[in-house]
C-alpha atoms as a PDB file:
ATOM      1  CA  MET A   1      -0.069 -35.737  -8.797  1.00  0.00           C
ATOM      2  CA  GLU A   2      -2.395 -36.000  -5.814  1.00  0.00           C
ATOM      3  CA  THR A   3      -3.945 -32.786  -4.526  1.00  0.00           C
ATOM      4  CA  LYS A   4      -3.791 -32.383  -0.762  1.00  0.00           C
ATOM      5  CA  THR A   5      -6.804 -30.819   0.941  1.00  0.00           C
ATOM      6  CA  ILE A   6      -6.030 -27.729   3.000  1.00  0.00           C
ATOM      7  CA  ASP A   7      -7.908 -26.834   6.162  1.00  0.00           C
ATOM      8  CA  LEU A   8     -10.440 -24.118   5.288  1.00  0.00           C
ATOM      9  CA  GLU A   9      -9.448 -21.838   8.168  1.00  0.00           C
ATOM     10  CA  ASN A  10      -5.747 -22.038   7.249  1.00  0.00           C
ATOM     11  CA  ALA A  11      -6.545 -21.392   3.575  1.00  0.00           C
ATOM     12  CA  ALA A  12      -8.630 -18.331   4.500  1.00  0.00           C
ATOM     13  CA  LYS A  13      -5.897 -16.994   6.804  1.00  0.00           C
ATOM     14  CA  THR A  14      -3.258 -17.407   4.090  1.00  0.00           C
ATOM     15  CA  LEU A  15      -5.422 -15.779   1.433  1.00  0.00           C
ATOM     16  CA  LYS A  16      -6.116 -12.853   3.780  1.00  0.00           C
ATOM     17  CA  LEU A  17      -2.371 -12.352   4.278  1.00  0.00           C
ATOM     18  CA  LEU A  18      -1.819 -12.566   0.515  1.00  0.00           C
ATOM     19  CA  GLY A  19      -4.495  -9.904  -0.001  1.00  0.00           C
ATOM     20  CA  ASP A  20      -2.079  -7.174   1.083  1.00  0.00           C
ATOM     21  CA  LYS A  21       0.118  -5.760  -1.717  1.00  0.00           C
ATOM     22  CA  THR A  22       3.132  -5.248   0.559  1.00  0.00           C
ATOM     23  CA  ARG A  23       3.049  -8.794   1.918  1.00  0.00           C
ATOM     24  CA  LEU A  24       2.476 -10.188  -1.564  1.00  0.00           C
ATOM     25  CA  THR A  25       5.503  -8.244  -2.835  1.00  0.00           C
ATOM     26  CA  ILE A  26       7.610  -9.520   0.076  1.00  0.00           C
ATOM     27  CA  LEU A  27       6.635 -13.123  -0.685  1.00  0.00           C
ATOM     28  CA  GLY A  28       7.378 -12.552  -4.365  1.00  0.00           C
ATOM     29  CA  MET A  29      10.822 -11.229  -3.491  1.00  0.00           C
ATOM     30  CA  ILE A  30      11.702 -14.289  -1.417  1.00  0.00           C
ATOM     31  CA  LYS A  31      10.218 -16.758  -3.884  1.00  0.00           C
ATOM     32  CA  GLY A  32      13.678 -17.703  -5.132  1.00  0.00           C
ATOM     33  CA  GLY A  33      15.728 -17.236  -1.977  1.00  0.00           C
ATOM     34  CA  GLU A  34      16.075 -15.181   1.147  1.00  0.00           C
ATOM     35  CA  CYS A  35      16.163 -11.445   1.731  1.00  0.00           C
ATOM     36  CA  CYS A  36      17.164  -9.226   4.596  1.00  0.00           C
ATOM     37  CA  VAL A  37      14.837  -6.681   6.168  1.00  0.00           C
ATOM     38  CA  CYS A  38      17.040  -3.864   4.837  1.00  0.00           C
ATOM     39  CA  GLU A  39      16.365  -5.056   1.278  1.00  0.00           C
ATOM     40  CA  PHE A  40      12.596  -4.915   1.801  1.00  0.00           C
ATOM     41  CA  VAL A  41      12.964  -1.407   3.265  1.00  0.00           C
ATOM     42  CA  GLU A  42      14.930  -0.243   0.219  1.00  0.00           C
ATOM     43  CA  VAL A  43      12.682  -1.851  -2.417  1.00  0.00           C
ATOM     44  CA  LEU A  44       9.349  -0.978  -0.825  1.00  0.00           C
ATOM     45  CA  GLN A  45      10.454   2.477   0.386  1.00  0.00           C
ATOM     46  CA  MET A  46       8.840   1.871   3.764  1.00  0.00           C
ATOM     47  CA  SER A  47      10.142   2.231   7.306  1.00  0.00           C
ATOM     48  CA  GLN A  48      11.852  -0.708   8.976  1.00  0.00           C
ATOM     49  CA  PRO A  49       9.162  -0.927  11.720  1.00  0.00           C
ATOM     50  CA  SER A  50       6.423  -1.061   9.065  1.00  0.00           C
ATOM     51  CA  ILE A  51       8.225  -3.825   7.133  1.00  0.00           C
ATOM     52  CA  SER A  52       8.861  -5.707  10.379  1.00  0.00           C
ATOM     53  CA  GLN A  53       5.142  -5.589  11.192  1.00  0.00           C
ATOM     54  CA  HIS A  54       4.295  -7.225   7.841  1.00  0.00           C
ATOM     55  CA  LEU A  55       7.029  -9.822   8.331  1.00  0.00           C
ATOM     56  CA  ARG A  56       5.796 -10.580  11.844  1.00  0.00           C
ATOM     57  CA  LYS A  57       2.330 -11.373  10.476  1.00  0.00           C
ATOM     58  CA  LEU A  58       3.819 -13.672   7.824  1.00  0.00           C
ATOM     59  CA  ARG A  59       6.122 -15.324  10.373  1.00  0.00           C
ATOM     60  CA  ASP A  60       3.393 -15.760  13.003  1.00  0.00           C
ATOM     61  CA  ALA A  61       1.253 -17.504  10.370  1.00  0.00           C
ATOM     62  CA  GLY A  62       4.202 -19.753   9.529  1.00  0.00           C
ATOM     63  CA  LEU A  63       4.414 -18.594   5.897  1.00  0.00           C
ATOM     64  CA  VAL A  64       8.016 -17.410   6.213  1.00  0.00           C
ATOM     65  CA  LYS A  65      11.067 -18.627   8.064  1.00  0.00           C
ATOM     66  CA  GLU A  66      13.673 -16.373   9.574  1.00  0.00           C
ATOM     67  CA  ARG A  67      17.393 -16.883   9.997  1.00  0.00           C
ATOM     68  CA  ARG A  68      19.464 -14.621  12.194  1.00  0.00           C
ATOM     69  CA  ARG A  69      22.992 -13.675  11.250  1.00  0.00           C
ATOM     70  CA  GLY A  70      24.513 -11.289  13.732  1.00  0.00           C
ATOM     71  CA  GLN A  71      22.104  -8.388  14.159  1.00  0.00           C
ATOM     72  CA  TRP A  72      20.408  -9.047  10.802  1.00  0.00           C
ATOM     73  CA  VAL A  73      17.406 -11.242  10.075  1.00  0.00           C
ATOM     74  CA  PHE A  74      16.940 -12.968   6.722  1.00  0.00           C
ATOM     75  CA  TYR A  75      13.558 -14.255   5.557  1.00  0.00           C
ATOM     76  CA  SER A  76      12.619 -17.096   3.210  1.00  0.00           C
ATOM     77  CA  LEU A  77       9.431 -18.881   2.171  1.00  0.00           C
ATOM     78  CA  ASN A  78       8.365 -21.799   4.342  1.00  0.00           C
ATOM     79  CA  GLU A  79       7.817 -24.388   1.636  1.00  0.00           C
ATOM     80  CA  ALA A  80       6.735 -26.928   4.251  1.00  0.00           C
ATOM     81  CA  HIS A  81       3.695 -24.861   5.298  1.00  0.00           C
ATOM     82  CA  GLU A  82       0.313 -26.511   4.729  1.00  0.00           C
ATOM     83  CA  THR A  83      -0.817 -23.680   2.439  1.00  0.00           C
ATOM     84  CA  TYR A  84       2.408 -23.363   0.421  1.00  0.00           C
ATOM     85  CA  SER A  85       0.637 -24.711  -2.674  1.00  0.00           C
ATOM     86  CA  ILE A  86      -1.767 -21.736  -2.515  1.00  0.00           C
ATOM     87  CA  ILE A  87       1.111 -19.285  -2.102  1.00  0.00           C
ATOM     88  CA  GLU A  88       3.022 -20.864  -4.966  1.00  0.00           C
ATOM     89  CA  GLN A  89       0.015 -20.666  -7.299  1.00  0.00           C
ATOM     90  CA  VAL A  90      -0.608 -17.011  -6.453  1.00  0.00           C
ATOM     91  CA  LEU A  91       3.065 -16.074  -6.873  1.00  0.00           C
ATOM     92  CA  ASN A  92       3.117 -17.786 -10.261  1.00  0.00           C
ATOM     93  CA  GLN A  93       0.263 -15.504 -11.389  1.00  0.00           C
ATOM     94  CA  ILE A  94       1.818 -12.156 -10.455  1.00  0.00           C
ATOM     95  CA  PRO A  95       4.736 -10.345 -12.131  1.00  0.00           C
ATOM     96  CA  ASP A  96       8.175 -11.652 -11.150  1.00  0.00           C
ATOM     97  CA  GLN A  97       9.593  -9.604  -8.281  1.00  0.00           C
ATOM     98  CA  LYS A  98      13.202 -10.565  -9.052  1.00  0.00           C
ATOM     99  CA  ASP A  99      13.594  -7.398 -11.143  1.00  0.00           C
ATOM    100  CA  LYS A 100      13.343  -5.424  -7.894  1.00  0.00           C
ATOM    101  CA  LEU A 101      16.224  -7.430  -6.446  1.00  0.00           C
ATOM    102  CA  ARG A 102      18.271  -7.032  -9.648  1.00  0.00           C
ATOM    103  CA  ALA A 103      17.799  -3.261  -9.499  1.00  0.00           C
ATOM    104  CA  LEU A 104      18.907  -3.325  -5.861  1.00  0.00           C
ATOM    105  CA  GLU A 105      22.006  -5.323  -6.803  1.00  0.00           C
ATOM    106  CA  GLU A 106      22.843  -2.961  -9.689  1.00  0.00           C
ATOM    107  CA  ALA A 107      22.595  -0.034  -7.283  1.00  0.00           C
ATOM    108  CA  GLY A 108      25.036  -1.806  -4.936  1.00  0.00           C
ATOM    109  CA  LEU A 109      22.393  -2.116  -2.230  1.00  0.00           C
ATOM    110  CA  ARG A 110      21.772  -5.870  -2.250  1.00  0.00           C
ATOM    111  CA  ILE A 111      22.399  -7.374   1.164  1.00  0.00           C
ATOM    112  CA  GLN A 112      24.029  -4.200   2.383  1.00  0.00           C
ATOM    113  CA  CYS A 113      23.572  -5.527   5.909  1.00  0.00           C
ATOM    114  CA  ASP A 114      25.730  -8.596   5.245  1.00  0.00           C
ATOM    115  CA  ILE A 115      28.467  -9.043   7.845  1.00  0.00           C
END
């Protein structure tokens, strides 16, 4: 498999974003699919504005995609981003965040904002 070179500035920007525990947790949660803002709020026990600020940084950098459904916004990893290979490698080295989503589901709180 051929390794693609990533622009140094983009790599540094991505690594800086990944250096925050909250953003790293968010990316880990959406590694296997999409999540709604309300799910991040519940799992991370943070305010919606605080979560939205982290998501805005990830979205502005192009690391996540958003999909609107009614008043709710769902986020997923942008696998087409130039630095996705870096993100993927980092996420493969940290504990799986799916247990957080399973706990949310067991508590009946998974996608509570679904319409």
